[in-house]
N, C-alpha and C. Protein backbone atom coordinates (compact mmCIF):
# COMPACT_ATOMS: atom_id res chain seq x y z
N MET A 1 0.83 -5.92 -4.40
CA MET A 1 0.48 -4.54 -4.67
C MET A 1 1.73 -3.67 -4.58
N ILE A 2 2.56 -3.93 -3.57
CA ILE A 2 3.77 -3.13 -3.39
C ILE A 2 4.74 -3.38 -4.55
N ASP A 3 4.92 -4.63 -4.92
CA ASP A 3 5.82 -4.94 -6.04
C ASP A 3 5.34 -4.31 -7.33
N GLU A 4 4.04 -4.36 -7.58
CA GLU A 4 3.47 -3.78 -8.81
C GLU A 4 3.62 -2.26 -8.79
N SER A 5 3.47 -1.65 -7.62
CA SER A 5 3.63 -0.21 -7.50
C SER A 5 5.07 0.19 -7.77
N LYS A 6 6.02 -0.51 -7.16
CA LYS A 6 7.44 -0.20 -7.37
C LYS A 6 7.84 -0.38 -8.83
N ALA A 7 7.25 -1.36 -9.51
CA ALA A 7 7.55 -1.61 -10.91
C ALA A 7 6.80 -0.66 -11.83
N ALA A 8 5.90 0.15 -11.27
CA ALA A 8 5.05 1.08 -12.03
C ALA A 8 4.25 0.34 -13.09
N ASP A 9 3.80 -0.87 -12.76
CA ASP A 9 2.99 -1.72 -13.64
C ASP A 9 1.52 -1.40 -13.37
N ILE A 10 0.94 -0.59 -14.21
CA ILE A 10 -0.42 -0.12 -13.99
C ILE A 10 -1.41 -1.27 -13.95
N GLU A 11 -1.40 -2.14 -14.95
CA GLU A 11 -2.36 -3.25 -14.99
C GLU A 11 -2.15 -4.20 -13.82
N GLY A 12 -0.88 -4.50 -13.51
CA GLY A 12 -0.59 -5.37 -12.38
C GLY A 12 -1.08 -4.76 -11.08
N TYR A 13 -0.88 -3.46 -10.92
CA TYR A 13 -1.32 -2.75 -9.72
C TYR A 13 -2.84 -2.78 -9.61
N LEU A 14 -3.53 -2.43 -10.68
CA LEU A 14 -4.99 -2.42 -10.66
C LEU A 14 -5.57 -3.80 -10.40
N SER A 15 -4.88 -4.85 -10.85
CA SER A 15 -5.38 -6.21 -10.65
C SER A 15 -5.37 -6.62 -9.18
N CYS A 16 -4.73 -5.84 -8.33
CA CYS A 16 -4.68 -6.13 -6.90
C CYS A 16 -5.93 -5.63 -6.17
N PHE A 17 -6.81 -4.91 -6.87
CA PHE A 17 -7.96 -4.26 -6.26
C PHE A 17 -9.25 -4.76 -6.88
N SER A 18 -10.36 -4.56 -6.15
CA SER A 18 -11.68 -4.92 -6.67
C SER A 18 -12.71 -3.89 -6.24
N GLY A 19 -13.88 -3.99 -6.82
CA GLY A 19 -15.02 -3.18 -6.41
C GLY A 19 -14.83 -1.68 -6.59
N ASP A 20 -15.44 -0.93 -5.66
CA ASP A 20 -15.42 0.53 -5.71
C ASP A 20 -14.00 1.09 -5.65
N LEU A 21 -13.13 0.44 -4.88
CA LEU A 21 -11.76 0.92 -4.78
C LEU A 21 -11.06 0.85 -6.12
N ARG A 22 -11.24 -0.24 -6.84
CA ARG A 22 -10.63 -0.34 -8.17
C ARG A 22 -11.22 0.71 -9.10
N GLU A 23 -12.51 0.92 -9.03
CA GLU A 23 -13.14 1.94 -9.88
C GLU A 23 -12.58 3.33 -9.60
N ARG A 24 -12.33 3.65 -8.34
CA ARG A 24 -11.73 4.95 -8.00
C ARG A 24 -10.31 5.06 -8.54
N LEU A 25 -9.55 3.97 -8.45
CA LEU A 25 -8.19 3.98 -8.99
C LEU A 25 -8.20 4.14 -10.51
N GLU A 26 -9.13 3.49 -11.17
CA GLU A 26 -9.25 3.64 -12.62
C GLU A 26 -9.63 5.06 -13.00
N ALA A 27 -10.48 5.71 -12.18
CA ALA A 27 -10.83 7.11 -12.41
C ALA A 27 -9.60 7.99 -12.24
N ASN A 28 -8.77 7.70 -11.23
CA ASN A 28 -7.52 8.44 -11.05
C ASN A 28 -6.61 8.26 -12.26
N LEU A 29 -6.54 7.05 -12.78
CA LEU A 29 -5.74 6.78 -13.97
C LEU A 29 -6.21 7.63 -15.15
N ARG A 30 -7.51 7.67 -15.36
CA ARG A 30 -8.05 8.48 -16.47
C ARG A 30 -7.73 9.95 -16.27
N GLN A 31 -7.83 10.43 -15.04
CA GLN A 31 -7.58 11.84 -14.74
C GLN A 31 -6.10 12.19 -14.88
N MET A 32 -5.22 11.33 -14.39
CA MET A 32 -3.78 11.60 -14.39
C MET A 32 -3.10 11.22 -15.71
N GLY A 33 -3.72 10.34 -16.47
CA GLY A 33 -3.09 9.81 -17.67
C GLY A 33 -2.11 8.70 -17.26
N GLU A 34 -1.74 7.87 -18.25
CA GLU A 34 -0.87 6.73 -17.95
C GLU A 34 0.47 7.13 -17.36
N GLU A 35 1.11 8.13 -17.95
CA GLU A 35 2.44 8.52 -17.45
C GLU A 35 2.37 9.12 -16.06
N GLY A 36 1.36 9.94 -15.79
CA GLY A 36 1.20 10.52 -14.47
C GLY A 36 0.92 9.46 -13.42
N PHE A 37 0.05 8.50 -13.76
CA PHE A 37 -0.28 7.43 -12.83
C PHE A 37 0.93 6.53 -12.60
N ARG A 38 1.66 6.24 -13.66
CA ARG A 38 2.88 5.43 -13.54
C ARG A 38 3.90 6.12 -12.62
N ALA A 39 4.06 7.43 -12.77
CA ALA A 39 4.98 8.18 -11.91
C ALA A 39 4.49 8.15 -10.46
N TYR A 40 3.19 8.29 -10.28
CA TYR A 40 2.61 8.20 -8.93
C TYR A 40 2.94 6.86 -8.29
N LEU A 41 2.74 5.76 -9.03
CA LEU A 41 3.04 4.43 -8.50
C LEU A 41 4.52 4.30 -8.15
N ARG A 42 5.36 4.73 -9.05
CA ARG A 42 6.82 4.60 -8.87
C ARG A 42 7.30 5.43 -7.68
N ASP A 43 6.82 6.67 -7.56
CA ASP A 43 7.30 7.59 -6.53
C ASP A 43 6.70 7.31 -5.15
N ARG A 44 5.49 6.77 -5.13
CA ARG A 44 4.76 6.58 -3.88
C ARG A 44 5.53 5.77 -2.85
N LEU A 45 6.21 4.72 -3.27
CA LEU A 45 6.91 3.84 -2.35
C LEU A 45 8.41 3.79 -2.61
N ALA A 46 8.93 4.77 -3.30
CA ALA A 46 10.34 4.76 -3.68
C ALA A 46 11.27 4.70 -2.47
N GLU A 47 10.90 5.32 -1.37
CA GLU A 47 11.75 5.37 -0.18
C GLU A 47 11.36 4.32 0.87
N LEU A 48 10.53 3.36 0.49
CA LEU A 48 10.06 2.34 1.41
C LEU A 48 11.22 1.49 1.91
N LYS A 49 11.28 1.31 3.24
CA LYS A 49 12.33 0.51 3.87
C LYS A 49 11.83 -0.88 4.26
N GLY A 50 10.54 -0.98 4.59
CA GLY A 50 10.00 -2.26 5.01
C GLY A 50 8.50 -2.20 5.18
N VAL A 51 7.89 -3.37 5.37
CA VAL A 51 6.45 -3.48 5.52
C VAL A 51 6.15 -4.48 6.63
N ALA A 52 5.19 -4.14 7.47
CA ALA A 52 4.72 -5.05 8.50
C ALA A 52 3.21 -5.22 8.33
N ILE A 53 2.75 -6.45 8.52
CA ILE A 53 1.32 -6.74 8.42
C ILE A 53 0.89 -7.36 9.74
N TYR A 54 -0.18 -6.82 10.32
CA TYR A 54 -0.66 -7.37 11.59
C TYR A 54 -2.17 -7.17 11.72
N ASP A 55 -2.71 -7.63 12.85
CA ASP A 55 -4.16 -7.59 13.11
C ASP A 55 -4.93 -8.31 12.01
N VAL A 56 -4.41 -9.44 11.55
CA VAL A 56 -5.04 -10.19 10.46
C VAL A 56 -6.22 -11.00 10.99
N GLU A 57 -7.35 -10.81 10.37
CA GLU A 57 -8.56 -11.61 10.64
C GLU A 57 -9.04 -12.12 9.30
N GLU A 58 -9.22 -13.44 9.21
CA GLU A 58 -9.50 -14.04 7.90
C GLU A 58 -10.62 -15.06 8.00
N SER A 59 -11.47 -15.06 6.99
CA SER A 59 -12.47 -16.11 6.78
C SER A 59 -12.23 -16.67 5.39
N ASP A 60 -13.11 -17.52 4.91
CA ASP A 60 -12.92 -18.11 3.58
C ASP A 60 -12.97 -17.08 2.46
N ALA A 61 -13.79 -16.05 2.63
CA ALA A 61 -14.01 -15.10 1.54
C ALA A 61 -13.53 -13.70 1.81
N GLU A 62 -13.25 -13.36 3.08
CA GLU A 62 -12.85 -11.99 3.42
C GLU A 62 -11.71 -12.01 4.43
N ALA A 63 -10.99 -10.91 4.46
CA ALA A 63 -9.93 -10.73 5.46
C ALA A 63 -9.80 -9.24 5.75
N SER A 64 -9.33 -8.94 6.94
CA SER A 64 -8.99 -7.56 7.27
C SER A 64 -7.61 -7.60 7.89
N LEU A 65 -6.86 -6.52 7.72
CA LEU A 65 -5.51 -6.45 8.25
C LEU A 65 -5.05 -5.02 8.31
N THR A 66 -3.97 -4.80 9.02
CA THR A 66 -3.33 -3.49 9.07
C THR A 66 -1.96 -3.63 8.44
N VAL A 67 -1.64 -2.70 7.55
CA VAL A 67 -0.34 -2.67 6.90
C VAL A 67 0.40 -1.45 7.41
N GLU A 68 1.65 -1.66 7.80
CA GLU A 68 2.50 -0.54 8.21
C GLU A 68 3.64 -0.43 7.22
N TYR A 69 3.72 0.70 6.56
CA TYR A 69 4.80 0.99 5.62
C TYR A 69 5.86 1.76 6.39
N VAL A 70 7.09 1.29 6.38
CA VAL A 70 8.17 1.92 7.13
C VAL A 70 9.07 2.68 6.17
N PHE A 71 9.22 3.98 6.44
CA PHE A 71 10.11 4.86 5.69
C PHE A 71 11.20 5.34 6.66
N ALA A 72 12.22 5.99 6.16
CA ALA A 72 13.32 6.42 7.03
C ALA A 72 12.85 7.38 8.12
N GLU A 73 12.03 8.34 7.78
CA GLU A 73 11.65 9.39 8.73
C GLU A 73 10.26 9.22 9.33
N GLU A 74 9.48 8.27 8.81
CA GLU A 74 8.11 8.10 9.29
C GLU A 74 7.60 6.71 8.96
N SER A 75 6.46 6.38 9.54
CA SER A 75 5.76 5.16 9.16
C SER A 75 4.32 5.54 8.83
N GLU A 76 3.68 4.69 8.09
CA GLU A 76 2.32 4.95 7.65
C GLU A 76 1.52 3.67 7.86
N ARG A 77 0.39 3.78 8.55
CA ARG A 77 -0.46 2.62 8.81
C ARG A 77 -1.77 2.76 8.06
N GLN A 78 -2.25 1.61 7.59
CA GLN A 78 -3.49 1.62 6.84
C GLN A 78 -4.22 0.29 7.07
N SER A 79 -5.50 0.39 7.43
CA SER A 79 -6.34 -0.80 7.56
C SER A 79 -6.93 -1.13 6.20
N MET A 80 -6.94 -2.41 5.87
CA MET A 80 -7.46 -2.85 4.57
C MET A 80 -8.44 -4.00 4.75
N ARG A 81 -9.36 -4.07 3.80
CA ARG A 81 -10.30 -5.18 3.72
C ARG A 81 -10.06 -5.89 2.40
N LEU A 82 -9.88 -7.19 2.45
CA LEU A 82 -9.63 -7.99 1.25
C LEU A 82 -10.79 -8.93 0.99
N GLU A 83 -11.01 -9.23 -0.27
CA GLU A 83 -12.02 -10.21 -0.69
C GLU A 83 -11.34 -11.22 -1.60
N ARG A 84 -11.77 -12.46 -1.45
CA ARG A 84 -11.26 -13.50 -2.34
C ARG A 84 -12.14 -13.51 -3.58
N THR A 85 -11.52 -13.22 -4.73
CA THR A 85 -12.23 -13.15 -6.00
C THR A 85 -11.61 -14.19 -6.94
N ARG A 86 -12.40 -15.15 -7.35
CA ARG A 86 -11.92 -16.22 -8.23
C ARG A 86 -10.62 -16.84 -7.70
N GLY A 87 -10.60 -17.07 -6.37
CA GLY A 87 -9.46 -17.73 -5.74
C GLY A 87 -8.28 -16.84 -5.43
N THR A 88 -8.37 -15.54 -5.74
CA THR A 88 -7.27 -14.62 -5.52
C THR A 88 -7.71 -13.50 -4.57
N TRP A 89 -6.86 -13.18 -3.60
CA TRP A 89 -7.17 -12.08 -2.69
C TRP A 89 -6.95 -10.75 -3.39
N ARG A 90 -7.94 -9.87 -3.25
CA ARG A 90 -7.86 -8.52 -3.80
C ARG A 90 -8.27 -7.52 -2.74
N ILE A 91 -7.67 -6.34 -2.79
CA ILE A 91 -7.99 -5.28 -1.83
C ILE A 91 -9.31 -4.65 -2.25
N ALA A 92 -10.30 -4.74 -1.38
CA ALA A 92 -11.62 -4.23 -1.70
C ALA A 92 -11.92 -2.92 -0.99
N GLY A 93 -11.16 -2.61 0.04
CA GLY A 93 -11.37 -1.37 0.77
C GLY A 93 -10.15 -1.02 1.59
N ALA A 94 -9.95 0.27 1.80
CA ALA A 94 -8.81 0.73 2.58
C ALA A 94 -9.17 2.04 3.26
N ASP A 95 -8.85 2.14 4.54
CA ASP A 95 -9.04 3.39 5.27
C ASP A 95 -7.96 4.38 4.86
N ALA A 96 -8.18 5.62 5.18
CA ALA A 96 -7.14 6.63 4.96
C ALA A 96 -5.92 6.24 5.80
N SER A 97 -4.75 6.45 5.25
CA SER A 97 -3.54 6.08 5.99
C SER A 97 -3.25 7.10 7.08
N ARG A 98 -2.59 6.63 8.12
CA ARG A 98 -2.19 7.48 9.24
C ARG A 98 -0.68 7.50 9.29
N ARG A 99 -0.09 8.68 9.21
CA ARG A 99 1.37 8.83 9.23
C ARG A 99 1.83 9.22 10.62
N GLU A 100 2.99 8.64 10.99
CA GLU A 100 3.61 8.98 12.27
C GLU A 100 5.08 9.24 12.03
N ARG A 101 5.57 10.30 12.61
CA ARG A 101 6.99 10.64 12.52
C ARG A 101 7.78 9.66 13.37
N SER A 102 8.90 9.17 12.87
CA SER A 102 9.76 8.24 13.62
C SER A 102 10.57 9.02 14.65
N LEU A 103 10.63 8.51 15.86
CA LEU A 103 11.44 9.15 16.90
C LEU A 103 12.92 9.06 16.55
N ILE A 104 13.31 7.92 16.00
CA ILE A 104 14.68 7.72 15.54
C ILE A 104 14.58 7.26 14.09
N PRO A 105 15.18 7.97 13.15
CA PRO A 105 15.08 7.58 11.75
C PRO A 105 15.56 6.14 11.50
N TYR A 106 14.83 5.45 10.66
CA TYR A 106 15.15 4.06 10.32
C TYR A 106 16.58 3.99 9.79
N GLY A 107 17.33 3.02 10.26
CA GLY A 107 18.70 2.84 9.79
C GLY A 107 19.74 3.58 10.59
N THR A 108 19.32 4.34 11.61
CA THR A 108 20.28 5.08 12.44
C THR A 108 21.09 4.07 13.28
N PRO A 109 22.41 4.13 13.22
CA PRO A 109 23.22 3.24 14.07
C PRO A 109 22.89 3.46 15.54
N ILE A 110 22.86 2.39 16.30
CA ILE A 110 22.45 2.47 17.70
C ILE A 110 23.29 3.44 18.51
N GLU A 111 24.56 3.55 18.20
CA GLU A 111 25.42 4.46 18.96
C GLU A 111 25.09 5.93 18.68
N GLN A 112 24.37 6.19 17.59
CA GLN A 112 23.98 7.56 17.27
C GLN A 112 22.59 7.92 17.77
N ALA A 113 21.85 6.91 18.23
CA ALA A 113 20.48 7.14 18.71
C ALA A 113 20.54 7.80 20.09
N GLU A 114 19.69 8.78 20.29
CA GLU A 114 19.65 9.48 21.59
C GLU A 114 18.45 9.03 22.37
């Protein structure tokens, strides 16, 4: 999903989702138009420094996890629910993301950290 977003590949990005979540994203695409949605995808993670995945719980058909997106000045956490569809994991649900300001900006040399 992150790679497809950075590449601004609309079809590739949408293929990462299923169910109601995909339908909402498709509605956003119709509302924003292809160029607007492509810009949204490209800009959304442009400053991304890293990603952490934790709290993974998995069964044969479903999984839940927390994704933390790390940016220079903040991090953003989001819980997701995945479903296995035709052998491929797809994001079926996601909570609203929670942003937190970084105490020390990512990439700050240790000697400059207070």
